[in-house]
Amino acid sequence: MNLNQIQLKYPNRIIKAMVVLSICFLLFFKPIVSQGQTDTLSTPSDSIMITIMMKHHQDKNIEELREIRTKNGFLENFPPASARVINWYVMMGIGQVVTLKIPASELRNLNIAVEKSVWGAFSTEFYPTYDLYPVIKQAKDKLKVGQ
């Protein structure tokens, strides 16, 4: 079986494996790079970033999904007022991916907002997230200075 056949036969498994591998990479890579970070690159200790994969229920069409979201008050309740949206993307064929920054004390409220307004139209997965770009930018800047 070649790679294209595997991708066609197991598309969700491949995507899930890619997400898991990415998270593992980030979890193992962070301790290595965090030693060189300065305070200006760190996130305040009272806030966290979290990425939520909201997977469409593919047994429903777009109108059925809109109806469920409307009934659940999706636009009114998600994300909660304490959350700042970092990005919000559509992954075609999967659903929506939202990265939020929230005070750590508001994690419970985020969970309740998801349960009340997101479930029914989407299944959800949560991933702790952090911004690696400042570290990469700093490394690139150091590389430029050294040339």
Protein backbone atom coordinates (compact mmCIF):
# COMPACT_ATOMS: atom_id res chain seq x y z
CA MET A 1 0.00 0.00 0.00
CA ASN A 2 1.52 3.35 -1.01
CA LEU A 3 1.27 6.65 0.89
CA ASN A 4 -1.62 8.01 -1.22
CA GLN A 5 -3.69 4.88 -0.59
CA ILE A 6 -3.01 5.11 3.15
CA GLN A 7 -3.99 8.81 3.17
CA LEU A 8 -7.26 8.05 1.38
CA LYS A 9 -8.07 5.07 3.60
CA TYR A 10 -7.16 6.66 6.97
CA PRO A 11 -7.39 10.50 6.63
CA ASN A 12 -8.55 11.13 10.23
CA ARG A 13 -5.87 8.89 11.72
CA ILE A 14 -3.17 10.68 9.76
CA ILE A 15 -4.39 14.12 10.86
CA LYS A 16 -4.67 12.98 14.48
CA ALA A 17 -1.16 11.47 14.32
CA MET A 18 0.20 14.74 12.89
CA VAL A 19 -1.42 16.75 15.70
CA VAL A 20 -0.09 14.37 18.36
CA LEU A 21 3.40 14.44 16.87
CA SER A 22 3.33 18.25 16.71
CA ILE A 23 2.28 18.50 20.35
CA CYS A 24 4.96 15.99 21.41
CA PHE A 25 7.56 17.99 19.50
CA LEU A 26 6.48 21.21 21.21
CA LEU A 27 6.44 19.63 24.64
CA PHE A 28 9.92 18.18 24.25
CA PHE A 29 11.37 21.18 22.41
CA LYS A 30 10.17 23.84 24.89
CA PRO A 31 12.50 22.84 27.76
CA ILE A 32 15.48 23.10 25.39
CA VAL A 33 14.67 26.59 24.12
CA SER A 34 13.17 28.00 27.30
CA GLN A 35 16.56 28.04 29.00
CA GLY A 36 17.64 30.84 26.68
CA GLN A 37 14.44 32.87 26.87
CA THR A 38 14.37 36.21 28.56
CA ASP A 39 11.54 37.57 30.68
CA THR A 40 10.36 39.67 27.73
CA LEU A 41 9.44 36.48 25.87
CA SER A 42 7.54 34.76 28.65
CA THR A 43 3.79 34.69 29.09
CA PRO A 44 2.42 36.11 32.34
CA SER A 45 1.98 33.30 34.84
CA ASP A 46 -1.68 34.10 35.35
CA SER A 47 -2.70 33.42 31.74
CA ILE A 48 -2.63 30.40 29.45
CA MET A 49 -3.14 29.78 25.78
CA ILE A 50 -5.32 26.91 24.71
CA THR A 51 -6.15 25.67 21.23
CA ILE A 52 -9.56 24.11 20.71
CA MET A 53 -10.22 21.89 17.71
CA MET A 54 -13.93 22.02 17.03
CA LYS A 55 -14.66 19.17 14.63
CA HIS A 56 -17.87 19.41 12.61
CA HIS A 57 -20.27 16.53 13.00
CA GLN A 58 -20.09 15.34 9.41
CA ASP A 59 -23.45 13.56 9.58
CA LYS A 60 -25.10 17.02 9.58
CA ASN A 61 -25.20 19.61 6.81
CA ILE A 62 -24.20 23.25 7.29
CA GLU A 63 -27.78 24.39 7.95
CA GLU A 64 -28.27 21.77 10.66
CA LEU A 65 -24.99 22.83 12.26
CA ARG A 66 -26.02 26.52 12.16
CA GLU A 67 -29.36 25.65 13.73
CA ILE A 68 -27.64 23.80 16.60
CA ARG A 69 -25.18 26.66 17.16
CA THR A 70 -28.00 29.21 17.16
CA LYS A 71 -30.07 27.13 19.59
CA ASN A 72 -27.03 26.78 21.88
CA GLY A 73 -26.23 30.51 21.79
CA PHE A 74 -22.84 29.85 20.21
CA LEU A 75 -22.15 33.42 19.06
CA GLU A 76 -23.36 34.90 22.35
CA ASN A 77 -21.45 32.52 24.66
CA PHE A 78 -18.28 31.46 22.88
CA PRO A 79 -15.64 32.43 23.58
CA PRO A 80 -16.32 33.72 27.10
CA ALA A 81 -15.70 37.42 27.77
CA SER A 82 -12.51 36.63 29.71
CA ALA A 83 -10.88 35.06 26.63
CA ARG A 84 -8.82 36.87 24.00
CA VAL A 85 -8.93 35.28 20.54
CA ILE A 86 -5.39 34.74 19.22
CA ASN A 87 -6.59 33.13 15.99
CA TRP A 88 -9.62 31.37 14.59
CA TYR A 89 -9.27 29.25 11.47
CA VAL A 90 -11.32 26.83 9.42
CA MET A 91 -9.63 23.53 8.59
CA MET A 92 -11.50 22.35 5.53
CA GLY A 93 -13.01 18.93 6.06
CA ILE A 94 -12.26 19.08 9.81
CA GLY A 95 -13.93 22.10 11.40
CA GLN A 96 -12.68 25.16 13.25
CA VAL A 97 -9.49 25.68 15.24
CA VAL A 98 -9.51 28.45 17.84
CA THR A 99 -6.56 29.57 19.96
CA LEU A 100 -7.50 31.60 23.03
CA LYS A 101 -5.56 33.30 25.79
CA ILE A 102 -7.34 33.27 29.14
CA PRO A 103 -6.52 33.88 32.78
CA ALA A 104 -5.75 30.48 34.32
CA SER A 105 -8.54 31.03 36.84
CA GLU A 106 -11.04 31.19 33.94
CA LEU A 107 -10.33 27.70 32.58
CA ARG A 108 -13.47 26.30 34.22
CA ASN A 109 -15.61 29.05 32.65
CA LEU A 110 -14.13 28.30 29.24
CA ASN A 111 -14.99 24.64 29.67
CA ILE A 112 -18.57 25.50 30.65
CA ALA A 113 -18.91 27.85 27.65
CA VAL A 114 -17.76 25.05 25.34
CA GLU A 115 -20.11 22.51 26.91
CA LYS A 116 -23.10 24.85 26.65
CA SER A 117 -22.56 26.43 23.25
CA VAL A 118 -20.19 24.29 21.17
CA TRP A 119 -21.21 20.71 21.87
CA GLY A 120 -23.89 19.37 19.58
CA ALA A 121 -22.51 21.05 16.47
CA PHE A 122 -18.89 20.06 17.14
CA SER A 123 -16.85 17.50 19.00
CA THR A 124 -13.91 19.16 20.74
CA GLU A 125 -10.27 18.57 21.56
CA PHE A 126 -8.19 20.87 23.78
CA TYR A 127 -4.45 21.48 23.53
CA PRO A 128 -2.28 23.65 25.80
CA THR A 129 -0.44 26.03 23.48
CA TYR A 130 2.42 28.48 23.60
CA ASP A 131 3.94 30.96 21.17
CA LEU A 132 7.25 29.67 19.84
CA TYR A 133 7.72 32.44 17.29
CA PRO A 134 9.51 34.90 19.65
CA VAL A 135 12.10 32.20 20.38
CA ILE A 136 12.57 31.46 16.67
CA LYS A 137 12.80 35.18 15.88
CA GLN A 138 15.40 35.67 18.62
CA ALA A 139 17.46 32.75 17.28
CA LYS A 140 17.26 34.15 13.74
CA ASP A 141 18.32 37.60 14.95
CA LYS A 142 21.31 36.07 16.78
CA LEU A 143 22.19 34.17 13.62
CA LYS A 144 22.12 37.40 11.57
CA VAL A 145 24.38 39.18 14.08
CA GLY A 146 26.87 36.31 13.93
CA GLN A 147 27.19 36.46 10.14
